[in-house]
């Protein structure tokens, strides 16, 4: 049987994982009056989600929600004005759902507040997290909230009632971590013809334990490729742990990767696993490895050679069994040449090297990707957009897409929100000719301007009927009134 017989299965797996990629683009809001809680939660969640916003003052929630979209909101039940009853948390939960009825709110609560949290879930929250939290359960709870939100948007329903009914009466220790599942809406053809040779390579090397290096520009989906490799490996049932090592400071590098013991430093209040131990038996993905300092490279090389880690503050070496995948957007051979990257480390991490081409070299994939994002955001924002014109596709193919697939995604999102018709045209993407180059350049727009224009068009369409305008925009009447007041309309 030829290799081509395996292409549908590979592409199906790849497409399912492509759906999970937006999880890395998801935006999460944390609201708690304890700055230590906010810092700790942000450090944990930023490894798994695209953007983590934190806020100490719940009074700022209306402004934040009226100006930004969040895929999940983590809300404390008790603030300083009301330290134990939870009444303030209930009030802010109601306010959040008034502003955005589809908001996925996860509650922060102490062990003694479980009964209160269950009542809050009946009032509209989707889940709760106990303090002090367990890292894996915390992350999976947020993933589950986001995934259920995506599912509800795709189907046009609201799974909140089912979620709450299933969870009511159970405490955190009795629930299994929520699993984020890929939706069935993606087709095998979404991958696009240009990536099929890459999928063929992945299918051959994924079952091995060979270390792999993924090269590609920002926004090309290196994380997605790493997840595809893990999903087709013999370690698929073990953890996949992702670390942006380029964002780690010198002081956090060893503690984050190798762990620490209680008392190792001022804030080490308990023993903590490092990312290597968390990934034991599975796959460890080190993103932006080209940004490591020489000292960090030396420490990493030692661990890879010995296959064991020593936690900060401990003398005990612990064996680890991982499959290593690294990624970078820089030319490591050039870094080796200028002696800013160790050649022996490069040899260690690039047993197999994969190159993910930039979007400008994949014009045949543009329509497939654009149509996927159009469908996603038309459902999310309740817009009637169904496709794109041939003229727009031509201009898209002539554009360089320096931000790659991520830029395409955000550009389509803006266009779907603002487009007056059902088919996207060049004007909807705000293309303009650059005076410094021959290729068109995307014209940036402020979010407030986009929102104002969208409301103006809806008001004109419905001749100022607030009920109809709110329904089309997917807002409550109160939320629409607040926006009208904000823009002086």
Protein backbone atom coordinates (compact mmCIF):
# COMPACT_ATOMS: atom_id res chain seq x y z
CA UNK A 1 0.00 0.00 0.00
CA UNK A 2 1.48 3.37 -1.04
CA UNK A 3 2.01 6.33 1.22
CA UNK A 4 -0.85 8.19 -0.39
CA UNK A 5 -3.30 5.81 1.32
CA UNK A 6 -2.44 7.37 4.66
CA UNK A 7 -2.97 11.00 3.64
CA UNK A 8 -6.66 11.26 4.68
CA UNK A 9 -5.93 9.98 8.20
CA UNK A 10 -2.93 12.26 8.60
CA UNK A 11 -4.82 15.27 7.33
CA UNK A 12 -7.77 14.51 9.59
CA UNK A 13 -5.47 14.45 12.61
CA UNK A 14 -3.75 17.62 11.44
CA UNK A 15 -7.07 19.36 10.90
CA UNK A 16 -8.32 18.39 14.34
CA UNK A 17 -5.17 19.82 15.85
CA UNK A 18 -5.53 22.95 13.74
CA UNK A 19 -8.80 23.51 15.54
CA UNK A 20 -6.96 23.35 18.87
CA UNK A 21 -4.51 26.03 17.74
CA UNK A 22 -6.92 28.86 18.61
CA UNK A 23 -6.61 27.64 22.24
CA UNK A 24 -3.12 29.11 22.08
CA UNK A 25 -4.74 32.31 20.78
CA UNK A 26 -7.41 32.40 23.48
CA UNK A 27 -7.72 35.40 25.77
CA UNK A 28 -8.37 34.88 29.47
CA UNK A 29 -9.24 37.49 32.11
CA UNK A 30 -8.34 36.91 35.79
CA UNK A 31 -10.14 39.02 38.42
CA UNK A 32 -8.97 38.75 42.03
CA UNK A 33 -8.01 41.32 44.65
CA UNK A 34 -4.97 39.30 45.76
CA UNK A 35 -1.96 40.33 43.62
CA UNK A 36 -0.07 37.15 44.57
CA UNK A 37 -2.92 35.00 43.27
CA UNK A 38 -3.03 37.01 40.05
CA UNK A 39 0.70 36.69 39.48
CA UNK A 40 0.81 32.97 40.17
CA UNK A 41 -2.22 32.24 38.00
CA UNK A 42 -0.89 34.37 35.16
CA UNK A 43 2.51 32.64 35.22
CA UNK A 44 0.75 29.27 34.98
CA UNK A 45 -1.88 30.10 32.36
CA UNK A 46 0.36 32.08 29.99
CA UNK A 47 2.06 28.80 29.05
CA UNK A 48 -1.21 27.43 27.72
CA UNK A 49 -3.22 30.37 26.38
CA UNK A 50 -2.49 33.26 24.09
CA UNK A 51 -3.20 36.26 26.33
CA UNK A 52 -3.76 36.56 30.08
CA UNK A 53 -5.16 39.85 31.40
CA UNK A 54 -5.27 40.46 35.16
CA UNK A 55 -7.35 42.91 37.19
CA UNK A 56 -7.51 43.56 40.93
CA UNK A 57 -10.51 45.89 40.87
CA UNK A 58 -13.84 44.32 39.78
CA UNK A 59 -15.22 47.83 39.23
CA UNK A 60 -13.25 47.85 35.98
CA UNK A 61 -15.05 44.79 34.62
CA UNK A 62 -17.64 46.74 32.58
CA UNK A 63 -14.93 48.73 30.80
CA UNK A 64 -12.87 45.60 30.09
CA UNK A 65 -15.81 43.59 28.77
CA UNK A 66 -17.13 46.43 26.66
CA UNK A 67 -13.77 46.91 25.00
CA UNK A 68 -12.39 43.38 24.71
CA UNK A 69 -13.52 39.85 24.00
CA UNK A 70 -12.48 37.15 26.48
CA UNK A 71 -12.77 33.42 25.81
CA UNK A 72 -12.88 32.74 29.55
CA UNK A 73 -13.14 34.85 32.71
CA UNK A 74 -11.84 33.65 36.07
CA UNK A 75 -13.67 35.54 38.83
CA UNK A 76 -13.00 35.51 42.56
CA UNK A 77 -16.11 35.01 44.70
CA UNK A 78 -15.05 37.31 47.54
CA UNK A 79 -13.42 40.72 47.44
CA UNK A 80 -12.24 42.97 50.24
CA UNK A 81 -15.55 44.69 50.72
CA UNK A 82 -17.22 41.31 51.28
CA UNK A 83 -14.65 38.77 52.38
CA UNK A 84 -16.74 35.68 53.02
CA UNK A 85 -20.38 35.77 51.92
CA UNK A 86 -19.79 35.69 48.16
CA UNK A 87 -22.54 38.27 47.56
CA UNK A 88 -20.14 40.55 45.74
CA UNK A 89 -19.04 37.68 43.51
CA UNK A 90 -22.67 36.86 42.66
CA UNK A 91 -23.31 40.51 41.82
CA UNK A 92 -20.32 40.68 39.49
CA UNK A 93 -21.26 37.37 37.88
CA UNK A 94 -24.69 38.83 37.10
CA UNK A 95 -23.08 41.99 35.72
CA UNK A 96 -20.72 40.01 33.48
CA UNK A 97 -23.57 37.94 32.05
CA UNK A 98 -25.64 41.08 31.53
CA UNK A 99 -22.84 42.58 29.45
CA UNK A 100 -22.06 39.30 27.64
CA UNK A 101 -24.66 36.54 28.05
CA UNK A 102 -22.29 34.06 26.39
CA UNK A 103 -19.36 34.78 28.73
CA UNK A 104 -17.71 31.66 30.12
CA UNK A 105 -17.10 32.47 33.78
CA UNK A 106 -15.01 30.20 36.00
CA UNK A 107 -15.08 30.95 39.71
CA UNK A 108 -12.17 31.13 42.14
CA UNK A 109 -13.30 29.83 45.50
CA UNK A 110 -11.89 28.51 48.77
CA UNK A 111 -12.51 24.98 50.02
CA UNK A 112 -15.32 26.12 52.30
CA UNK A 113 -17.15 27.84 49.47
CA UNK A 114 -17.94 24.82 47.30
CA UNK A 115 -21.67 24.93 48.04
CA UNK A 116 -21.67 28.63 47.17
CA UNK A 117 -19.81 27.89 43.94
CA UNK A 118 -22.39 25.31 42.92
CA UNK A 119 -25.12 27.91 43.46
CA UNK A 120 -23.18 30.33 41.31
CA UNK A 121 -22.93 27.75 38.54
CA UNK A 122 -26.69 27.44 38.60
CA UNK A 123 -26.73 31.23 38.21
CA UNK A 124 -24.64 31.07 35.04
CA UNK A 125 -21.00 30.24 35.79
CA UNK A 126 -19.58 27.27 33.90
CA UNK A 127 -17.20 25.81 36.50
CA UNK A 128 -15.12 26.60 39.56
CA UNK A 129 -11.54 26.21 40.76
CA UNK A 130 -10.59 25.63 44.37
CA UNK A 131 -7.86 27.64 46.07
CA UNK A 132 -5.11 26.61 46.39
CA UNK A 133 -5.43 25.08 42.96
CA UNK A 134 -3.80 22.09 41.35
CA UNK A 135 -2.07 23.28 38.19
CA UNK A 136 -3.30 20.56 35.84
CA UNK A 137 -6.90 20.82 37.03
CA UNK A 138 -6.82 24.61 36.80
CA UNK A 139 -5.55 24.56 33.21
CA UNK A 140 -7.98 21.84 32.13
CA UNK A 141 -10.91 23.68 33.70
CA UNK A 142 -10.10 26.79 31.66
CA UNK A 143 -9.55 24.68 28.53
CA UNK A 144 -12.91 23.03 29.08
CA UNK A 145 -14.68 26.37 29.49
CA UNK A 146 -13.16 27.71 26.28
CA UNK A 147 -13.87 24.51 24.34
CA UNK A 148 -17.51 24.45 25.45
CA UNK A 149 -17.82 28.10 24.44
CA UNK A 150 -16.44 27.29 20.99
CA UNK A 151 -18.83 24.35 20.72
CA UNK A 152 -21.80 26.51 21.69
CA UNK A 153 -20.84 29.13 19.08
CA UNK A 154 -20.51 26.47 16.37
CA UNK A 155 -23.86 24.88 17.13
CA UNK A 156 -25.66 28.11 17.95
CA UNK A 157 -26.69 26.71 21.34
CA UNK A 158 -25.67 27.20 24.94
CA UNK A 159 -24.22 24.23 26.78
CA UNK A 160 -24.18 26.12 30.08
CA UNK A 161 -27.30 24.47 31.44
CA UNK A 162 -26.05 20.99 30.64
CA UNK A 163 -22.64 21.81 32.08
CA UNK A 164 -24.15 23.08 35.31
CA UNK A 165 -26.58 20.21 35.67
CA UNK A 166 -23.78 17.73 35.25
CA UNK A 167 -21.57 19.53 37.74
CA UNK A 168 -24.11 20.45 40.41
CA UNK A 169 -23.55 18.74 43.72
CA UNK A 170 -19.99 17.63 42.90
CA UNK A 171 -16.91 19.10 44.49
CA UNK A 172 -13.63 19.77 42.73
CA UNK A 173 -11.92 16.59 43.90
CA UNK A 174 -14.68 14.38 42.48
CA UNK A 175 -14.65 15.85 39.00
CA UNK A 176 -12.39 14.64 36.25
CA UNK A 177 -10.49 17.42 34.48
CA UNK A 178 -12.43 18.79 31.54
CA UNK A 179 -11.01 17.84 28.19
CA UNK A 180 -10.86 20.23 25.28
CA UNK A 181 -12.02 18.42 22.22
CA UNK A 182 -11.64 19.32 18.61
CA UNK A 183 -14.79 20.11 16.73
CA UNK A 184 -15.98 17.98 13.84
CA UNK A 185 -16.48 20.93 11.51
CA UNK A 186 -12.98 20.93 10.03
CA UNK A 187 -12.41 19.02 6.83
CA UNK A 188 -9.31 17.20 5.71
CA UNK A 189 -8.83 19.67 2.88
CA UNK A 190 -8.36 22.53 5.37
CA UNK A 191 -4.70 21.59 5.65
CA UNK A 192 -4.05 22.64 2.07
CA UNK A 193 -1.95 21.01 -0.63
CA UNK A 194 1.27 22.82 0.23
CA UNK A 195 1.57 21.13 3.62
CA UNK A 196 0.95 17.58 2.45
CA UNK A 197 4.67 16.76 2.03
CA UNK A 198 5.16 17.96 5.60
CA UNK A 199 2.38 15.66 6.79
CA UNK A 200 4.03 12.77 5.00
CA UNK A 201 7.25 13.46 6.91
CA UNK A 202 5.37 13.78 10.19
CA UNK A 203 3.66 10.41 9.66
CA UNK A 204 7.05 8.74 9.24
CA UNK A 205 8.92 10.36 12.13
CA UNK A 206 6.16 10.83 14.71
CA UNK A 207 6.20 7.19 15.94
CA UNK A 208 9.93 7.47 16.70
CA UNK A 209 11.45 9.22 19.70
CA UNK A 210 13.78 11.32 17.55
CA UNK A 211 14.32 14.89 18.75
CA UNK A 212 12.81 17.37 16.32
CA UNK A 213 13.42 21.01 15.44
CA UNK A 214 10.62 23.01 13.79
CA UNK A 215 11.67 26.13 11.91
CA UNK A 216 9.30 28.83 10.78
CA UNK A 217 8.36 32.48 11.06
CA UNK A 218 6.10 33.81 13.79
CA UNK A 219 2.47 32.93 13.21
CA UNK A 220 3.06 29.91 10.96
CA UNK A 221 1.79 27.36 13.48
CA UNK A 222 4.90 25.70 14.91
CA UNK A 223 3.00 24.81 18.07
CA UNK A 224 0.32 23.16 15.96
CA UNK A 225 2.93 21.02 14.20
CA UNK A 226 4.40 19.96 17.54
CA UNK A 227 0.96 18.88 18.75
CA UNK A 228 0.38 16.96 15.52
CA UNK A 229 3.64 15.07 16.05
CA UNK A 230 2.71 14.23 19.63
CA UNK A 231 -0.80 13.11 18.60
CA UNK A 232 0.65 10.62 16.11
CA UNK A 233 3.43 9.37 18.39
CA UNK A 234 3.56 6.39 20.71
CA UNK A 235 3.41 8.91 23.57
CA UNK A 236 0.03 10.30 22.57
CA UNK A 237 -1.62 9.19 25.82
CA UNK A 238 1.04 10.92 27.92
CA UNK A 239 1.44 14.66 28.63
CA UNK A 240 2.24 17.28 26.01
CA UNK A 241 3.94 20.15 27.83
CA UNK A 242 4.67 23.43 26.05
CA UNK A 243 7.14 26.04 27.31
CA UNK A 244 8.02 29.41 25.77
CA UNK A 245 11.63 29.32 26.92
CA UNK A 246 12.40 32.62 25.23
CA UNK A 247 10.18 34.34 27.82
CA UNK A 248 11.97 32.84 30.83
CA UNK A 249 14.29 35.11 32.76
CA UNK A 250 17.63 33.86 34.05
CA UNK A 251 16.21 33.68 37.57
CA UNK A 252 13.17 31.60 36.54
CA UNK A 253 14.80 29.36 33.94
CA UNK A 254 15.99 26.50 36.16
CA UNK A 255 13.01 26.58 38.53
CA UNK A 256 10.54 26.56 35.64
CA UNK A 257 12.18 23.77 33.66
CA UNK A 258 13.71 21.64 36.41
CA UNK A 259 11.55 22.43 39.44
CA UNK A 260 12.49 23.41 42.99
CA UNK A 261 12.14 22.17 46.55
CA UNK A 262 10.50 23.96 49.43
CA UNK A 263 12.74 26.67 50.85
CA UNK A 264 15.06 26.81 47.83
CA UNK A 265 14.39 30.55 47.61
CA UNK A 266 12.13 33.12 49.24
CA UNK A 267 8.90 32.29 47.39
CA UNK A 268 9.45 28.52 47.28
CA UNK A 269 6.69 27.61 49.75
CA UNK A 270 6.36 24.01 48.53
CA UNK A 271 8.04 21.46 46.30
CA UNK A 272 7.26 22.00 42.64
CA UNK A 273 7.68 19.86 39.54
CA UNK A 274 9.58 21.39 36.66
CA UNK A 275 8.35 21.17 33.11
CA UNK A 276 10.69 18.27 32.35
CA UNK A 277 9.12 16.18 35.11
CA UNK A 278 5.60 17.25 34.11
CA UNK A 279 6.31 15.92 30.61
CA UNK A 280 7.77 12.63 31.87
CA UNK A 281 6.68 9.84 29.55
CA UNK A 282 5.34 12.32 27.02
CA UNK A 283 6.50 15.21 24.85
CA UNK A 284 8.23 18.43 25.89
CA UNK A 285 7.90 21.32 23.43
CA UNK A 286 10.42 24.13 23.88
CA UNK A 287 9.33 27.12 21.80
CA UNK A 288 11.64 30.01 20.81
CA UNK A 289 14.73 28.04 21.78
CA UNK A 290 16.85 30.37 19.68
CA UNK A 291 16.42 33.06 22.36
CA UNK A 292 18.24 31.14 25.11
CA UNK A 293 21.41 32.63 26.57
CA UNK A 294 24.63 30.62 26.40
CA UNK A 295 24.38 29.83 30.12
CA UNK A 296 20.84 28.51 29.68
CA UNK A 297 21.93 26.49 26.66
CA UNK A 298 24.69 24.85 28.69
CA UNK A 299 22.29 23.88 31.48
CA UNK A 300 19.75 22.50 29.00
CA UNK A 301 22.41 20.50 27.15
CA UNK A 302 23.54 18.84 30.38
CA UNK A 303 19.99 17.71 31.16
CA UNK A 304 19.45 16.39 27.62
CA UNK A 305 22.70 14.42 27.73
CA UNK A 306 22.12 12.93 31.17
CA UNK A 307 18.33 12.56 30.85
CA UNK A 308 17.90 13.59 34.46
CA UNK A 309 17.08 16.80 36.31
CA UNK A 310 18.01 18.19 39.69
CA UNK A 311 15.51 20.53 41.27
CA UNK A 312 16.72 23.89 42.51
CA UNK A 313 17.72 23.50 46.16
CA UNK A 314 18.12 19.72 45.92
CA UNK A 315 21.07 17.37 45.36
CA UNK A 316 18.93 14.48 44.18
CA UNK A 317 18.95 13.77 40.43
CA UNK A 318 15.63 12.55 39.01
CA UNK A 319 15.44 10.58 35.74
CA UNK A 320 13.15 11.92 33.01
CA UNK A 321 11.86 10.23 29.88
CA UNK A 322 10.74 12.78 27.31
CA UNK A 323 10.47 13.23 23.58
CA UNK A 324 11.90 16.67 22.80
CA UNK A 325 10.51 19.01 20.15
CA UNK A 326 11.99 22.49 19.78
CA UNK A 327 10.98 25.44 17.61
CA UNK A 328 12.43 28.79 16.63
CA UNK A 329 11.96 31.58 14.13
CA UNK A 330 15.68 32.37 13.88
CA UNK A 331 18.43 30.79 11.77
CA UNK A 332 20.32 28.66 14.29
CA UNK A 333 23.15 27.97 11.85
CA UNK A 334 23.81 31.71 11.72
CA UNK A 335 23.69 31.81 15.53
CA UNK A 336 26.21 28.97 15.63
CA UNK A 337 28.44 30.87 13.20
CA UNK A 338 28.45 34.00 15.38
CA UNK A 339 28.86 31.82 18.49
CA UNK A 340 25.61 32.86 20.15
CA UNK A 341 24.24 29.31 19.94
CA UNK A 342 26.06 26.13 20.89
CA UNK A 343 26.72 23.77 18.01
CA UNK A 344 26.59 20.70 20.27
CA UNK A 345 23.12 21.72 21.47
CA UNK A 346 21.97 22.20 17.87
CA UNK A 347 23.15 18.68 17.04
CA UNK A 348 21.27 17.38 20.05
CA UNK A 349 17.90 18.98 19.20
CA UNK A 350 17.71 18.67 15.38
CA UNK A 351 17.85 14.95 14.70
CA UNK A 352 14.90 15.67 12.41
CA UNK A 353 14.35 19.20 11.08
CA UNK A 354 11.01 20.43 9.76
CA UNK A 355 10.58 23.73 7.94
CA UNK A 356 7.13 25.32 8.06
CA UNK A 357 6.82 27.66 5.07
CA UNK A 358 5.47 31.21 5.52
CA UNK A 359 2.00 31.97 4.26
CA UNK A 360 3.32 34.09 1.35
CA UNK A 361 4.81 30.89 -0.07
CA UNK A 362 1.51 29.04 0.29
CA UNK A 363 -0.93 31.00 -1.92
CA UNK A 364 -2.83 27.82 -2.77
CA UNK A 365 -3.82 27.51 0.92
CA UNK A 366 -5.23 31.01 1.30
CA UNK A 367 -8.79 30.27 0.25
CA UNK A 368 -9.08 27.23 2.52
CA UNK A 369 -7.73 29.07 5.52
CA UNK A 370 -9.75 32.22 4.86
CA UNK A 371 -13.00 30.28 4.49
CA UNK A 372 -12.32 28.46 7.75
CA UNK A 373 -11.84 31.73 9.63
CA UNK A 374 -14.85 33.32 7.92
CA UNK A 375 -17.05 30.46 9.09
CA UNK A 376 -15.64 30.63 12.61
CA UNK A 377 -16.07 34.37 13.11
CA UNK A 378 -19.39 34.63 11.30
CA UNK A 379 -20.75 32.21 13.88
CA UNK A 380 -18.97 33.86 16.79
CA UNK A 381 -20.20 37.37 15.97
CA UNK A 382 -23.53 36.33 14.43
CA UNK A 383 -22.63 37.93 11.10
CA UNK A 384 -24.09 36.90 7.70
CA UNK A 385 -20.72 36.64 5.91
CA UNK A 386 -20.42 33.40 3.92
CA UNK A 387 -17.34 33.74 1.71
CA UNK A 388 -14.86 35.94 -0.13
CA UNK A 389 -14.74 37.31 -3.65
CA UNK A 390 -12.26 36.38 -6.38
CA UNK A 391 -10.96 39.95 -6.35
CA UNK A 392 -10.18 39.76 -2.64
CA UNK A 393 -8.46 36.40 -3.06
CA UNK A 394 -6.26 37.90 -5.80
CA UNK A 395 -5.20 40.76 -3.52
CA UNK A 396 -4.60 38.37 -0.65
CA UNK A 397 -2.27 36.33 -2.83
CA UNK A 398 -0.25 39.43 -3.69
CA UNK A 399 0.17 40.43 -0.05
CA UNK A 400 3.26 39.31 1.90
CA UNK A 401 1.46 38.35 5.14
CA UNK A 402 4.38 39.12 7.48
CA UNK A 403 2.28 37.84 10.41
CA UNK A 404 1.44 34.65 8.51
CA UNK A 405 -1.64 32.61 9.49
CA UNK A 406 -2.09 34.56 12.71
CA UNK A 407 -2.32 37.82 10.75
CA UNK A 408 -4.74 36.26 8.28
CA UNK A 409 -6.91 35.08 11.16
CA UNK A 410 -7.09 38.51 12.78
CA UNK A 411 -7.62 40.26 9.42
CA UNK A 412 -10.54 37.98 8.59
CA UNK A 413 -12.00 38.55 12.06
CA UNK A 414 -11.98 42.33 11.54
CA UNK A 415 -13.43 41.99 8.05
CA UNK A 416 -16.26 39.72 9.19
CA UNK A 417 -17.20 42.21 11.93
CA UNK A 418 -17.26 45.23 9.59
CA UNK A 419 -18.39 43.84 6.24
CA UNK A 420 -21.73 45.27 5.06
CA UNK A 421 -22.47 42.33 2.76
CA UNK A 422 -22.35 38.55 2.77
CA UNK A 423 -19.21 38.24 0.61
CA UNK A 424 -15.93 39.81 1.68
CA UNK A 425 -14.52 42.26 -0.85
CA UNK A 426 -11.09 43.97 -1.04
CA UNK A 427 -12.50 47.08 0.66
CA UNK A 428 -13.59 45.00 3.63
CA UNK A 429 -10.02 43.93 4.29
CA UNK A 430 -8.86 47.57 4.18
CA UNK A 431 -6.07 46.90 1.70
CA UNK A 432 -4.12 49.94 0.57
CA UNK A 433 -1.09 50.34 -1.63
CA UNK A 434 2.10 51.07 0.24
CA UNK A 435 4.15 54.06 -0.89
CA UNK A 436 7.31 52.22 0.15
CA UNK A 437 6.63 48.89 -1.54
CA UNK A 438 4.64 47.47 -4.40
CA UNK A 439 2.68 44.98 -2.32
CA UNK A 440 -0.54 46.00 -0.56
CA UNK A 441 -0.37 46.63 3.17
CA UNK A 442 -3.14 45.97 5.64
CA UNK A 443 -4.52 49.19 7.08
CA UNK A 444 -4.73 48.93 10.85
CA UNK A 445 -7.82 50.05 12.65
CA UNK A 446 -8.50 50.84 16.28
CA UNK A 447 -10.90 48.46 18.00
CA UNK A 448 -13.11 51.34 19.14
CA UNK A 449 -13.40 52.59 15.55
CA UNK A 450 -14.39 49.13 14.36
CA UNK A 451 -17.01 48.81 17.09
CA UNK A 452 -18.42 52.27 16.41
CA UNK A 453 -18.72 51.58 12.68
CA UNK A 454 -20.39 48.23 13.29
CA UNK A 455 -22.99 49.79 15.61
CA UNK A 456 -23.58 52.67 13.18
CA UNK A 457 -24.25 50.25 10.31
CA UNK A 458 -26.61 48.17 12.44
CA UNK A 459 -28.46 51.31 13.61
CA UNK A 460 -28.88 52.47 10.01
CA UNK A 461 -30.02 49.03 8.88
CA UNK A 462 -32.70 48.79 11.60
CA UNK A 463 -33.57 52.50 11.62
CA UNK A 464 -32.55 52.90 15.24
CA UNK A 465 -34.64 50.01 16.62
CA UNK A 466 -32.63 49.13 19.75
CA UNK A 467 -34.12 45.64 20.12
CA UNK A 468 -33.30 44.65 16.55
CA UNK A 469 -29.83 46.21 16.69
CA UNK A 470 -29.00 44.41 19.95
CA UNK A 471 -30.22 41.11 18.51
CA UNK A 472 -28.08 41.45 15.35
CA UNK A 473 -24.97 42.42 17.32
CA UNK A 474 -25.49 39.63 19.86
CA UNK A 475 -25.71 42.08 22.78
CA UNK A 476 -28.19 42.68 25.57
CA UNK A 477 -30.12 45.95 25.38
CA UNK A 478 -28.23 47.19 28.45
CA UNK A 479 -24.86 46.40 26.86
CA UNK A 480 -25.89 48.19 23.66
CA UNK A 481 -27.04 51.27 25.62
CA UNK A 482 -23.67 51.40 27.36
CA UNK A 483 -21.87 51.34 24.02
CA UNK A 484 -24.15 54.03 22.58
CA UNK A 485 -23.39 56.21 25.59
CA UNK A 486 -19.67 55.47 25.27
CA UNK A 487 -19.57 56.61 21.64
CA UNK A 488 -22.01 59.52 22.13
CA UNK A 489 -24.49 58.00 19.66
